Amino acid sequence: MQPFSVRAAEAARGSQLVLQVLLSPDNDDIELVCITAASAGRPFPITAEDFTARKLRSVGCVGVSLGLDGFTPHVALIEPLEPHVINAMGCALTEYIRVLVGNALIEQIALAEVTELERMYVLPDSRTYHPLFNA
């Protein structure tokens, strides 16, 4: 078996989104943290106190690539995990992507609304002069 670093690099290669998978010792608390290059410089989403209190540990990473057939996950795990934990990771990943896509869609709708209002603002005001009423 290849070392984790090689498997993690393969999972990240070509992925638009790379997430670190954090898990509690009893495997019931999962946190996905974006480690994509685009997230560099952003504050870590979990405080050190929360990280310590939840006793999280890194168990691997998931790369997600977007293709013509939808999202494709590429997983590299440090340790073998039970099937129910893998299932919970899949559910957490699905929810993460749903929120991510939903937020992006909301931003696109807001931008489209602003663009449409700006377009309408530059149109001439037909109320100022009408040949029948302003003779």
C-alpha atoms as a PDB file:
ATOM      1  CA  MET A   1       0.000   0.000   0.000  1.00  0.00           C
ATOM      2  CA  GLN A   2       1.217   3.508  -0.841  1.00  0.00           C
ATOM      3  CA  PRO A   3       1.958   5.990   1.958  1.00  0.00           C
ATOM      4  CA  PHE A   4      -0.862   8.332   2.933  1.00  0.00           C
ATOM      5  CA  SER A   5       0.943  11.383   1.532  1.00  0.00           C
ATOM      6  CA  VAL A   6       1.015   9.810  -1.945  1.00  0.00           C
ATOM      7  CA  ARG A   7      -2.625   8.724  -1.748  1.00  0.00           C
ATOM      8  CA  ALA A   8      -3.661  12.191  -0.487  1.00  0.00           C
ATOM      9  CA  ALA A   9      -1.783  13.886  -3.347  1.00  0.00           C
ATOM     10  CA  GLU A  10      -3.547  11.605  -5.835  1.00  0.00           C
ATOM     11  CA  ALA A  11      -6.924  12.375  -4.267  1.00  0.00           C
ATOM     12  CA  ALA A  12      -6.256  16.124  -4.468  1.00  0.00           C
ATOM     13  CA  ARG A  13      -4.842  16.096  -8.006  1.00  0.00           C
ATOM     14  CA  GLY A  14      -7.414  17.448 -10.427  1.00  0.00           C
ATOM     15  CA  SER A  15      -9.966  18.111  -7.687  1.00  0.00           C
ATOM     16  CA  GLN A  16     -11.749  21.443  -7.520  1.00  0.00           C
ATOM     17  CA  LEU A  17     -12.436  20.943  -3.821  1.00  0.00           C
ATOM     18  CA  VAL A  18     -10.205  19.241  -1.231  1.00  0.00           C
ATOM     19  CA  LEU A  19     -11.478  18.606   2.283  1.00  0.00           C
ATOM     20  CA  GLN A  20      -9.657  17.367   5.363  1.00  0.00           C
ATOM     21  CA  VAL A  21     -11.758  14.852   7.293  1.00  0.00           C
ATOM     22  CA  LEU A  22     -11.692  15.285  11.075  1.00  0.00           C
ATOM     23  CA  LEU A  23     -13.244  12.661  13.308  1.00  0.00           C
ATOM     24  CA  SER A  24     -13.795  12.256  17.039  1.00  0.00           C
ATOM     25  CA  PRO A  25     -12.450   9.166  18.885  1.00  0.00           C
ATOM     26  CA  ASP A  26     -15.925   7.609  19.128  1.00  0.00           C
ATOM     27  CA  ASN A  27     -16.488   8.272  15.393  1.00  0.00           C
ATOM     28  CA  ASP A  28     -19.752  10.148  15.901  1.00  0.00           C
ATOM     29  CA  ASP A  29     -18.492  13.704  15.263  1.00  0.00           C
ATOM     30  CA  ILE A  30     -17.336  14.473  11.714  1.00  0.00           C
ATOM     31  CA  GLU A  31     -15.999  17.812  10.526  1.00  0.00           C
ATOM     32  CA  LEU A  32     -14.989  18.598   6.947  1.00  0.00           C
ATOM     33  CA  VAL A  33     -12.504  21.446   6.525  1.00  0.00           C
ATOM     34  CA  CYS A  34     -11.716  22.944   3.125  1.00  0.00           C
ATOM     35  CA  ILE A  35      -7.980  22.819   2.433  1.00  0.00           C
ATOM     36  CA  THR A  36      -8.150  23.816  -1.234  1.00  0.00           C
ATOM     37  CA  ALA A  37      -5.542  26.375  -2.307  1.00  0.00           C
ATOM     38  CA  ALA A  38      -8.370  28.912  -2.802  1.00  0.00           C
ATOM     39  CA  SER A  39      -9.095  28.738   0.946  1.00  0.00           C
ATOM     40  CA  ALA A  40      -5.527  29.746   1.894  1.00  0.00           C
ATOM     41  CA  GLY A  41      -5.451  32.782   4.138  1.00  0.00           C
ATOM     42  CA  ARG A  42      -8.964  32.241   5.432  1.00  0.00           C
ATOM     43  CA  PRO A  43      -9.362  31.616   9.160  1.00  0.00           C
ATOM     44  CA  PHE A  44      -9.605  27.982  10.222  1.00  0.00           C
ATOM     45  CA  PRO A  45     -13.328  27.252  10.720  1.00  0.00           C
ATOM     46  CA  ILE A  46     -12.793  25.481  14.059  1.00  0.00           C
ATOM     47  CA  THR A  47     -11.296  27.191  17.090  1.00  0.00           C
ATOM     48  CA  ALA A  48      -8.454  25.480  18.917  1.00  0.00           C
ATOM     49  CA  GLU A  49     -10.676  25.124  21.993  1.00  0.00           C
ATOM     50  CA  ASP A  50     -13.444  23.478  19.970  1.00  0.00           C
ATOM     51  CA  PHE A  51     -10.928  21.196  18.257  1.00  0.00           C
ATOM     52  CA  THR A  52      -9.546  20.101  21.635  1.00  0.00           C
ATOM     53  CA  ALA A  53     -12.954  19.779  23.323  1.00  0.00           C
ATOM     54  CA  ARG A  54     -14.279  17.606  20.505  1.00  0.00           C
ATOM     55  CA  LYS A  55     -11.016  15.569  20.474  1.00  0.00           C
ATOM     56  CA  LEU A  56     -10.896  15.655  16.683  1.00  0.00           C
ATOM     57  CA  ARG A  57      -8.194  13.902  14.709  1.00  0.00           C
ATOM     58  CA  SER A  58      -7.438  13.853  11.009  1.00  0.00           C
ATOM     59  CA  VAL A  59      -8.418  10.598   9.352  1.00  0.00           C
ATOM     60  CA  GLY A  60      -7.787  11.586   5.753  1.00  0.00           C
ATOM     61  CA  CYS A  61      -8.880  13.814   2.926  1.00  0.00           C
ATOM     62  CA  VAL A  62     -11.470  13.872   0.178  1.00  0.00           C
ATOM     63  CA  GLY A  63     -10.943  15.494  -3.199  1.00  0.00           C
ATOM     64  CA  VAL A  64     -14.039  16.329  -5.214  1.00  0.00           C
ATOM     65  CA  SER A  65     -13.886  16.869  -8.952  1.00  0.00           C
ATOM     66  CA  LEU A  66     -16.713  18.105 -11.114  1.00  0.00           C
ATOM     67  CA  GLY A  67     -17.181  16.309 -14.391  1.00  0.00           C
ATOM     68  CA  LEU A  68     -19.878  15.872 -16.997  1.00  0.00           C
ATOM     69  CA  ASP A  69     -21.429  13.109 -14.913  1.00  0.00           C
ATOM     70  CA  GLY A  70     -21.539  15.155 -11.682  1.00  0.00           C
ATOM     71  CA  PHE A  71     -19.324  15.154  -8.615  1.00  0.00           C
ATOM     72  CA  THR A  72     -16.686  12.455  -8.198  1.00  0.00           C
ATOM     73  CA  PRO A  73     -15.072  11.960  -4.783  1.00  0.00           C
ATOM     74  CA  HIS A  74     -11.468  10.779  -4.425  1.00  0.00           C
ATOM     75  CA  VAL A  75     -10.778   9.521  -0.905  1.00  0.00           C
ATOM     76  CA  ALA A  76      -7.485   8.931   0.922  1.00  0.00           C
ATOM     77  CA  LEU A  77      -7.770   7.627   4.487  1.00  0.00           C
ATOM     78  CA  ILE A  78      -5.031   7.358   7.084  1.00  0.00           C
ATOM     79  CA  GLU A  79      -6.719   4.433   8.828  1.00  0.00           C
ATOM     80  CA  PRO A  80      -9.420   1.928   7.908  1.00  0.00           C
ATOM     81  CA  LEU A  81     -12.882   2.985   9.077  1.00  0.00           C
ATOM     82  CA  GLU A  82     -16.058   1.064   9.823  1.00  0.00           C
ATOM     83  CA  PRO A  83     -18.756   1.036   7.098  1.00  0.00           C
ATOM     84  CA  HIS A  84     -21.161   3.146   9.185  1.00  0.00           C
ATOM     85  CA  VAL A  85     -18.439   5.809   9.599  1.00  0.00           C
ATOM     86  CA  ILE A  86     -17.806   5.815   5.834  1.00  0.00           C
ATOM     87  CA  ASN A  87     -21.564   6.210   5.334  1.00  0.00           C
ATOM     88  CA  ALA A  88     -21.628   9.156   7.761  1.00  0.00           C
ATOM     89  CA  MET A  89     -18.686  10.716   5.894  1.00  0.00           C
ATOM     90  CA  GLY A  90     -20.617  10.361   2.637  1.00  0.00           C
ATOM     91  CA  CYS A  91     -23.648  12.055   4.177  1.00  0.00           C
ATOM     92  CA  ALA A  92     -21.472  14.868   5.567  1.00  0.00           C
ATOM     93  CA  LEU A  93     -19.822  15.327   2.158  1.00  0.00           C
ATOM     94  CA  THR A  94     -23.201  15.434   0.415  1.00  0.00           C
ATOM     95  CA  GLU A  95     -24.455  18.072   2.866  1.00  0.00           C
ATOM     96  CA  TYR A  96     -21.228  20.097   2.500  1.00  0.00           C
ATOM     97  CA  ILE A  97     -21.582  20.156  -1.297  1.00  0.00           C
ATOM     98  CA  ARG A  98     -25.318  20.934  -1.073  1.00  0.00           C
ATOM     99  CA  VAL A  99     -24.616  23.962   1.120  1.00  0.00           C
ATOM    100  CA  LEU A 100     -21.662  25.020  -1.044  1.00  0.00           C
ATOM    101  CA  VAL A 101     -23.673  24.803  -4.273  1.00  0.00           C
ATOM    102  CA  GLY A 102     -26.703  26.397  -2.615  1.00  0.00           C
ATOM    103  CA  ASN A 103     -24.646  29.361  -1.383  1.00  0.00           C
ATOM    104  CA  ALA A 104     -23.042  29.794  -4.807  1.00  0.00           C
ATOM    105  CA  LEU A 105     -26.486  29.719  -6.419  1.00  0.00           C
ATOM    106  CA  ILE A 106     -27.793  32.354  -3.981  1.00  0.00           C
ATOM    107  CA  GLU A 107     -24.791  34.571  -4.811  1.00  0.00           C
ATOM    108  CA  GLN A 108     -25.406  34.123  -8.558  1.00  0.00           C
ATOM    109  CA  ILE A 109     -29.099  35.011  -8.169  1.00  0.00           C
ATOM    110  CA  ALA A 110     -28.237  38.146  -6.176  1.00  0.00           C
ATOM    111  CA  LEU A 111     -25.683  39.183  -8.810  1.00  0.00           C
ATOM    112  CA  ALA A 112     -28.217  38.574 -11.601  1.00  0.00           C
ATOM    113  CA  GLU A 113     -30.789  40.716  -9.775  1.00  0.00           C
ATOM    114  CA  VAL A 114     -28.319  43.586  -9.372  1.00  0.00           C
ATOM    115  CA  THR A 115     -27.297  43.312 -13.033  1.00  0.00           C
ATOM    116  CA  GLU A 116     -30.933  43.394 -14.140  1.00  0.00           C
ATOM    117  CA  LEU A 117     -31.675  46.428 -11.954  1.00  0.00           C
ATOM    118  CA  GLU A 118     -28.622  48.229 -13.330  1.00  0.00           C
ATOM    119  CA  ARG A 119     -29.771  47.440 -16.869  1.00  0.00           C
ATOM    120  CA  MET A 120     -33.238  48.782 -16.138  1.00  0.00           C
ATOM    121  CA  TYR A 121     -31.843  51.916 -14.474  1.00  0.00           C
ATOM    122  CA  VAL A 122     -30.167  53.088 -17.703  1.00  0.00           C
ATOM    123  CA  LEU A 123     -33.338  52.689 -19.798  1.00  0.00           C
ATOM    124  CA  PRO A 124     -35.014  55.974 -20.772  1.00  0.00           C
ATOM    125  CA  ASP A 125     -37.936  57.000 -18.574  1.00  0.00           C
ATOM    126  CA  SER A 126     -40.985  56.902 -20.815  1.00  0.00           C
ATOM    127  CA  ARG A 127     -43.077  58.741 -18.206  1.00  0.00           C
ATOM    128  CA  THR A 128     -41.365  62.090 -18.780  1.00  0.00           C
ATOM    129  CA  TYR A 129     -42.755  62.793 -22.255  1.00  0.00           C
ATOM    130  CA  HIS A 130     -45.664  61.354 -24.166  1.00  0.00           C
ATOM    131  CA  PRO A 131     -46.924  63.105 -27.348  1.00  0.00           C
ATOM    132  CA  LEU A 132     -50.608  62.591 -26.482  1.00  0.00           C
ATOM    133  CA  PHE A 133     -50.451  63.877 -22.931  1.00  0.00           C
ATOM    134  CA  ASN A 134     -47.776  66.580 -23.152  1.00  0.00           C
ATOM    135  CA  ALA A 135     -49.021  68.579 -26.127  1.00  0.00           C
END
